[in-house]
Amino acid sequence: MKYILIVLILLHVNIFADEHEYEEYHAKRHISKELSHLQLTKEQKREIKKILKEYRYALKEYRELKEEIEEKREMLFLKERFNTKKLNRLNGILDEKAHKIENDFLSKIHSVLNREQRKRFIYYFDDWEVK
């Protein structure tokens, strides 16, 4: 009986741990589509949907680039001599790509939203940062 109870407790703890990991993964990898607070018109919804699709695609490319650069940074670190210039160049490439994606996205969103909607959008501004 003790063993069954221990197994059940371990299973219960494991399930909650997996759930928490999934939520963290989901938060990092998925964009919240919740924009109802902006009270978009049908035309705005259509345009925003297109912008979000482009944004998701750009983020996918960014993640692939980030993985490549992380591999290069690891290889750089494993060499006998550490090359700060190469590291800075790699980091610069990644930063430049992230800024371009953010700037393009925010510029397009800005052009679709009216003044009041922009004020409401600012509240969640950091959620759209490319990381």
Foldseek 3Di string as FASTA:
>chain_A
DVVVVVVVVVVVVVVVVVVVVVVVVCLQLDADPPLVVLVADPVLVVQLVVLVVVLNVLLVVLVVLVVVLVVVQVVQVPDPDRDVVVNVVSVVVSVVSQVVSLVVSVVSNVVSGDPVSVVVVVVCSVSSRRD
